[in-house]
């Protein structure tokens, strides 16, 4: 019955391109999550992390046209006590990619739009391995990928576009499912015969501490915490969760003078976030923590402000999908007829 109802609702909203925007499910506003805003050619297999500068600017204009107010996370917290009828949008970026500074920042500054960058500190420290881009590079170039890990030989066919995509998804899952203490060994095994260095591309793709310091000086920008290593916190012991967050907080303060008050959970789905991680964040005194679980922001969301929902936006997000997010139907259906989200 649910399946029939869900598809009937989707078909109905498809007729109107997702309208109306202001349904009873739309709440007070939305938090939008981005990774990269690029003025270069988009990736083939990492397109879920990217949006073109043209489409990004068009999306901002669309929200402005529909009377959305762009506010900071701190201002969003204040909306719990506000009687404002105007919908709000909060712009956030995860990880700390270079084009947040070179491409997105000039656009947002032109519109005077506040935004948050959640920094994984291994990015500016240049000790992160951007394995998802390394993987895309070898899959594009090779017709077969071979490696040995823990005395097991692996072989993946990359002879066709379909098989390339299947290989990317299979190896990506193989990497993500790894325990944090074994990730370096596994990445070394996969990429050792294809690259001289696992840290290839890190300087070109990620923010430097100098970039971050410049951003931190602008009142429009909030530099916040995305942990040290970008590990799935739900798979760590409580002590290790605290270390991931506190070490990043200390380093960001040292490099920028900014005290982080907001956190984004790495990955951020129900598989990587649970009540225990939220409790650990609460003990560290954070004002908010955001997930990647879809949902609109209602005043009651701030009663559980360490599990705030966000919509992830990329190049393939259509106007129809954006409207479905804004009006709350998207999350209502995805979350099993519940909004806001529950764990």
Protein backbone atom coordinates (compact mmCIF):
# COMPACT_ATOMS: atom_id res chain seq x y z
CA UNK A 1 0.00 0.00 0.00
CA UNK A 2 2.83 2.37 0.89
CA UNK A 3 4.50 1.64 -2.47
CA UNK A 4 1.31 2.53 -4.34
CA UNK A 5 0.78 5.70 -2.32
CA UNK A 6 4.38 6.78 -2.74
CA UNK A 7 4.34 6.38 -6.50
CA UNK A 8 0.95 8.08 -6.81
CA UNK A 9 2.25 11.09 -4.87
CA UNK A 10 5.42 11.27 -6.97
CA UNK A 11 3.44 11.14 -10.22
CA UNK A 12 1.13 13.89 -8.99
CA UNK A 13 4.01 16.20 -8.12
CA UNK A 14 5.81 15.34 -11.34
CA UNK A 15 2.90 16.93 -13.22
CA UNK A 16 3.55 20.21 -11.43
CA UNK A 17 7.35 19.95 -11.41
CA UNK A 18 7.32 19.49 -7.64
CA UNK A 19 5.06 22.41 -6.78
CA UNK A 20 3.63 23.76 -4.55
CA UNK A 21 6.76 24.80 -2.66
CA UNK A 22 4.90 25.76 0.51
CA UNK A 23 3.30 22.52 1.68
CA UNK A 24 2.73 21.65 5.33
CA UNK A 25 5.85 19.45 5.05
CA UNK A 26 8.21 22.23 3.99
CA UNK A 27 8.94 23.40 7.53
CA UNK A 28 10.79 26.64 8.16
CA UNK A 29 13.63 26.03 5.74
CA UNK A 30 16.42 23.74 4.56
CA UNK A 31 20.12 23.12 5.09
CA UNK A 32 21.84 22.37 1.78
CA UNK A 33 25.06 20.35 1.53
CA UNK A 34 27.61 20.78 -1.26
CA UNK A 35 31.12 19.48 -1.77
CA UNK A 36 32.64 21.05 -4.87
CA UNK A 37 31.58 23.95 -7.10
CA UNK A 38 33.69 23.70 -10.22
CA UNK A 39 34.27 25.73 -13.36
CA UNK A 40 36.08 22.78 -14.95
CA UNK A 41 34.85 19.61 -16.63
CA UNK A 42 32.76 17.52 -14.27
CA UNK A 43 33.93 14.10 -13.10
CA UNK A 44 32.48 10.95 -14.58
CA UNK A 45 32.20 8.82 -11.45
CA UNK A 46 32.48 11.45 -8.69
CA UNK A 47 29.75 13.68 -10.11
CA UNK A 48 27.76 13.29 -6.88
CA UNK A 49 30.37 15.53 -5.23
CA UNK A 50 30.27 18.27 -7.85
CA UNK A 51 28.08 21.02 -9.21
CA UNK A 52 29.04 23.40 -12.01
CA UNK A 53 29.49 27.08 -11.15
CA UNK A 54 26.75 27.93 -13.65
CA UNK A 55 24.20 25.59 -12.08
CA UNK A 56 25.20 26.63 -8.55
CA UNK A 57 24.55 30.28 -9.34
CA UNK A 58 21.28 29.41 -11.07
CA UNK A 59 20.15 27.50 -7.99
CA UNK A 60 20.92 30.48 -5.74
CA UNK A 61 18.92 32.73 -8.05
CA UNK A 62 16.05 30.24 -8.03
CA UNK A 63 15.91 30.25 -4.22
CA UNK A 64 16.07 34.05 -4.12
CA UNK A 65 13.30 34.27 -6.71
CA UNK A 66 11.13 32.07 -4.51
CA UNK A 67 11.72 34.36 -1.53
CA UNK A 68 14.13 32.17 0.43
CA UNK A 69 16.36 33.98 2.88
CA UNK A 70 19.98 32.80 3.12
CA UNK A 71 21.11 32.68 6.74
CA UNK A 72 23.94 31.24 8.84
CA UNK A 73 23.69 28.22 11.12
CA UNK A 74 23.70 30.51 14.15
CA UNK A 75 20.77 32.46 12.71
CA UNK A 76 18.99 29.20 11.92
CA UNK A 77 19.15 28.27 15.61
CA UNK A 78 17.47 31.57 16.44
CA UNK A 79 14.55 30.66 14.16
CA UNK A 80 13.31 28.31 16.87
CA UNK A 81 12.08 31.40 18.70
CA UNK A 82 11.21 33.44 15.61
CA UNK A 83 7.76 34.11 14.17
CA UNK A 84 9.18 34.82 10.72
CA UNK A 85 7.10 33.37 7.90
CA UNK A 86 9.96 33.61 5.40
CA UNK A 87 11.61 30.33 4.44
CA UNK A 88 15.36 30.08 4.98
CA UNK A 89 18.25 28.21 3.34
CA UNK A 90 21.62 27.47 4.91
CA UNK A 91 24.54 26.81 2.53
CA UNK A 92 27.18 24.33 3.71
CA UNK A 93 30.24 22.67 2.15
CA UNK A 94 31.82 19.43 3.34
CA UNK A 95 35.48 18.35 3.43
CA UNK A 96 37.32 21.48 2.25
CA UNK A 97 37.87 21.52 -1.50
CA UNK A 98 39.95 24.24 -3.16
CA UNK A 99 37.08 25.43 -5.37
CA UNK A 100 35.07 26.35 -2.27
CA UNK A 101 37.52 29.26 -2.13
CA UNK A 102 38.31 29.89 -5.80
CA UNK A 103 34.87 29.36 -7.36
CA UNK A 104 32.05 29.23 -4.77
CA UNK A 105 33.32 32.02 -2.51
CA UNK A 106 33.30 34.81 -5.14
CA UNK A 107 29.74 33.86 -6.14
CA UNK A 108 28.46 33.78 -2.56
CA UNK A 109 30.30 36.98 -1.67
CA UNK A 110 28.69 38.76 -4.64
CA UNK A 111 25.24 37.83 -3.30
CA UNK A 112 26.34 38.45 0.33
CA UNK A 113 25.25 34.91 1.24
CA UNK A 114 26.66 33.43 4.47
CA UNK A 115 27.97 29.88 4.31
CA UNK A 116 29.76 27.21 6.31
CA UNK A 117 32.77 25.11 5.35
CA UNK A 118 33.14 21.93 7.38
CA UNK A 119 36.87 21.16 7.26
CA UNK A 120 38.42 17.70 7.45
CA UNK A 121 41.80 18.79 8.80
CA UNK A 122 43.81 16.14 6.94
CA UNK A 123 42.88 18.01 3.75
CA UNK A 124 44.81 21.23 4.49
CA UNK A 125 47.45 19.19 6.33
CA UNK A 126 48.02 17.43 2.97
CA UNK A 127 47.87 14.01 4.61
CA UNK A 128 44.50 12.92 3.20
CA UNK A 129 44.34 10.34 0.41
CA UNK A 130 41.74 11.40 -2.16
CA UNK A 131 41.22 7.80 -3.18
CA UNK A 132 37.88 8.46 -4.90
CA UNK A 133 39.61 10.64 -7.49
CA UNK A 134 42.58 8.26 -7.79
CA UNK A 135 40.11 5.45 -8.43
CA UNK A 136 38.32 7.41 -11.13
CA UNK A 137 41.60 8.18 -12.87
CA UNK A 138 42.74 4.58 -13.18
CA UNK A 139 39.28 3.31 -14.16
CA UNK A 140 39.15 5.80 -17.03
CA UNK A 141 42.60 4.77 -18.26
CA UNK A 142 42.61 1.02 -17.73
CA UNK A 143 40.65 -1.92 -19.17
CA UNK A 144 41.42 -4.02 -16.10
CA UNK A 145 42.36 -3.28 -12.50
CA UNK A 146 44.28 -5.81 -10.45
CA UNK A 147 45.63 -5.79 -6.91
CA UNK A 148 46.39 -8.11 -4.01
CA UNK A 149 45.18 -7.47 -0.49
CA UNK A 150 45.77 -9.80 2.48
CA UNK A 151 46.99 -12.51 0.09
CA UNK A 152 43.78 -12.36 -1.94
CA UNK A 153 43.99 -11.45 -5.63
CA UNK A 154 41.34 -9.08 -7.00
CA UNK A 155 40.57 -8.37 -10.63
CA UNK A 156 38.01 -5.94 -12.10
CA UNK A 157 36.99 -5.59 -15.74
CA UNK A 158 36.93 -2.01 -17.07
CA UNK A 159 36.53 -2.77 -20.76
CA UNK A 160 33.20 -0.97 -21.22
CA UNK A 161 31.57 2.13 -19.75
CA UNK A 162 29.06 -0.01 -17.89
CA UNK A 163 31.78 -2.22 -16.42
CA UNK A 164 33.85 0.84 -15.49
CA UNK A 165 30.96 2.22 -13.45
CA UNK A 166 30.33 -1.17 -11.84
CA UNK A 167 34.03 -1.40 -10.95
CA UNK A 168 34.07 2.08 -9.45
CA UNK A 169 31.08 1.28 -7.23
CA UNK A 170 32.47 -2.12 -6.21
CA UNK A 171 35.93 -0.82 -5.24
CA UNK A 172 34.39 2.23 -3.56
CA UNK A 173 32.31 -0.04 -1.32
CA UNK A 174 35.34 -2.26 -0.72
CA UNK A 175 37.23 0.79 0.57
CA UNK A 176 34.42 2.39 2.59
CA UNK A 177 33.69 -0.87 4.43
CA UNK A 178 37.26 -0.92 5.79
CA UNK A 179 38.00 -0.43 9.47
CA UNK A 180 39.83 2.89 10.10
CA UNK A 181 43.04 1.21 11.31
CA UNK A 182 43.32 -0.78 8.06
CA UNK A 183 42.42 1.88 5.50
CA UNK A 184 45.99 2.98 4.68
CA UNK A 185 47.12 -0.60 4.10
CA UNK A 186 44.19 -1.32 1.81
CA UNK A 187 44.65 1.88 -0.22
CA UNK A 188 48.34 1.14 -0.61
CA UNK A 189 47.51 -2.33 -1.91
CA UNK A 190 45.00 -1.00 -4.45
CA UNK A 191 46.98 1.94 -5.83
CA UNK A 192 50.66 1.07 -5.38
CA UNK A 193 51.17 -0.02 -9.00
CA UNK A 194 49.29 2.90 -10.50
CA UNK A 195 50.65 5.99 -8.69
CA UNK A 196 54.03 7.07 -7.38
CA UNK A 197 52.29 8.77 -4.45
CA UNK A 198 48.95 8.17 -2.74
CA UNK A 199 48.79 11.92 -2.09
CA UNK A 200 48.64 12.85 -5.75
CA UNK A 201 46.34 15.80 -6.42
CA UNK A 202 45.89 16.84 -2.80
CA UNK A 203 47.41 20.32 -3.28
CA UNK A 204 45.39 21.09 -6.38
CA UNK A 205 42.04 19.84 -5.09
CA UNK A 206 41.92 20.91 -1.45
CA UNK A 207 42.01 24.10 0.59
CA UNK A 208 45.29 25.15 2.18
CA UNK A 209 45.43 26.55 5.70
CA UNK A 210 46.15 29.94 4.12
CA UNK A 211 42.92 29.70 2.09
CA UNK A 212 40.99 28.68 5.19
CA UNK A 213 42.46 31.54 7.22
CA UNK A 214 41.39 34.05 4.58
CA UNK A 215 37.87 32.62 4.55
CA UNK A 216 37.71 32.66 8.35
CA UNK A 217 38.32 36.42 8.38
CA UNK A 218 35.15 37.08 6.38
CA UNK A 219 32.01 37.51 8.55
CA UNK A 220 30.04 35.69 5.85
CA UNK A 221 32.06 32.51 6.38
CA UNK A 222 31.98 30.01 9.22
CA UNK A 223 34.82 27.46 9.40
CA UNK A 224 33.55 24.39 11.24
CA UNK A 225 34.47 20.83 12.20
CA UNK A 226 34.38 17.77 9.94
CA UNK A 227 36.86 15.73 12.07
CA UNK A 228 40.50 14.87 11.41
CA UNK A 229 40.27 11.78 9.21
CA UNK A 230 36.68 11.67 7.91
CA UNK A 231 36.12 8.26 9.51
CA UNK A 232 32.63 6.90 10.10
CA UNK A 233 32.13 7.93 13.73
CA UNK A 234 29.54 5.21 14.39
CA UNK A 235 32.29 2.62 13.84
CA UNK A 236 34.66 4.19 16.39
CA UNK A 237 34.89 3.84 20.15
CA UNK A 238 33.58 6.82 22.14
CA UNK A 239 37.11 7.89 23.06
CA UNK A 240 38.19 7.85 19.41
CA UNK A 241 35.12 9.87 18.41
CA UNK A 242 36.09 12.55 20.90
CA UNK A 243 39.70 12.55 19.64
CA UNK A 244 38.58 12.95 16.02
CA UNK A 245 36.48 15.98 16.94
CA UNK A 246 38.67 17.59 19.60
CA UNK A 247 41.91 17.32 17.61
CA UNK A 248 40.25 18.96 14.61
CA UNK A 249 38.80 21.69 16.82
CA UNK A 250 42.21 22.41 18.36
CA UNK A 251 43.95 22.55 14.99
CA UNK A 252 41.35 24.83 13.38
CA UNK A 253 41.64 27.19 16.37
CA UNK A 254 45.43 27.19 16.09
CA UNK A 255 45.44 27.83 12.34
CA UNK A 256 42.57 30.33 12.07
CA UNK A 257 41.72 31.62 15.53
CA UNK A 258 38.16 30.34 15.04
CA UNK A 259 36.41 28.27 17.70
CA UNK A 260 34.25 25.64 16.01
CA UNK A 261 30.66 25.41 17.26
CA UNK A 262 29.12 23.28 14.52
CA UNK A 263 29.97 19.79 13.27
CA UNK A 264 29.18 17.71 10.18
CA UNK A 265 29.25 13.95 10.62
CA UNK A 266 31.50 12.27 8.02
CA UNK A 267 29.30 10.48 5.46
CA UNK A 268 26.35 11.36 7.69
CA UNK A 269 23.85 8.60 6.84
CA UNK A 270 22.08 6.28 9.27
CA UNK A 271 24.98 3.85 8.83
CA UNK A 272 27.50 6.40 10.14
CA UNK A 273 25.47 8.32 12.72
CA UNK A 274 23.72 7.01 15.82
CA UNK A 275 22.54 8.25 19.18
CA UNK A 276 25.89 7.43 20.79
CA UNK A 277 27.79 9.67 18.37
CA UNK A 278 25.27 12.46 18.98
CA UNK A 279 25.78 12.09 22.74
CA UNK A 280 29.56 12.33 22.30
CA UNK A 281 29.14 15.52 20.28
CA UNK A 282 26.80 16.90 22.95
CA UNK A 283 29.41 16.30 25.65
CA UNK A 284 31.88 18.37 23.61
CA UNK A 285 29.55 21.37 23.68
CA UNK A 286 28.66 21.75 20.00
CA UNK A 287 25.70 23.95 19.06
CA UNK A 288 24.63 21.84 16.07
CA UNK A 289 25.65 18.73 14.15
CA UNK A 290 24.38 17.97 10.66
CA UNK A 291 23.80 14.68 8.90
CA UNK A 292 23.23 13.87 5.24
CA UNK A 293 19.85 12.34 6.02
CA UNK A 294 17.25 14.22 3.99
CA UNK A 295 14.77 16.47 5.75
CA UNK A 296 13.37 19.96 6.10
CA UNK A 297 13.99 22.08 9.18
CA UNK A 298 11.08 22.51 11.57
CA UNK A 299 11.27 24.35 14.88
CA UNK A 300 11.11 21.01 16.68
CA UNK A 301 14.28 19.89 14.86
CA UNK A 302 16.23 22.15 17.20
CA UNK A 303 15.14 20.00 20.11
CA UNK A 304 17.45 17.43 18.52
CA UNK A 305 19.94 19.91 17.04
CA UNK A 306 22.80 17.39 16.98
CA UNK A 307 21.00 15.34 14.34
CA UNK A 308 19.93 17.99 11.87
CA UNK A 309 18.92 16.84 8.37
CA UNK A 310 20.43 18.19 5.15
CA UNK A 311 19.81 17.84 1.45
CA UNK A 312 22.89 17.00 -0.64
CA UNK A 313 22.94 18.94 -3.92
CA UNK A 314 25.01 18.12 -7.01
CA UNK A 315 24.99 18.68 -10.76
CA UNK A 316 22.38 15.98 -11.34
CA UNK A 317 19.90 17.51 -8.88
CA UNK A 318 17.07 18.61 -11.18
CA UNK A 319 14.66 21.48 -10.60
CA UNK A 320 11.98 18.87 -9.98
CA UNK A 321 14.10 17.20 -7.26
CA UNK A 322 14.98 20.55 -5.72
CA UNK A 323 11.30 21.48 -5.54
CA UNK A 324 10.51 18.11 -3.98
CA UNK A 325 13.14 18.85 -1.34
CA UNK A 326 11.91 22.37 -0.68
CA UNK A 327 8.31 21.34 -0.28
CA UNK A 328 9.20 18.41 1.97
CA UNK A 329 7.73 15.62 -0.14
CA UNK A 330 11.17 14.15 -0.92
CA UNK A 331 12.07 13.61 2.74
CA UNK A 332 8.55 12.59 3.70
CA UNK A 333 8.69 9.69 1.26
CA UNK A 334 12.37 8.79 1.80
CA UNK A 335 12.04 8.76 5.59
CA UNK A 336 8.99 6.50 5.64
CA UNK A 337 6.33 9.19 5.97
CA UNK A 338 8.19 10.88 8.82
CA UNK A 339 9.64 14.36 8.93
CA UNK A 340 11.78 15.39 10.72
CA UNK A 341 14.13 12.41 10.67
CA UNK A 342 14.35 9.81 13.40
CA UNK A 343 17.07 7.25 14.04
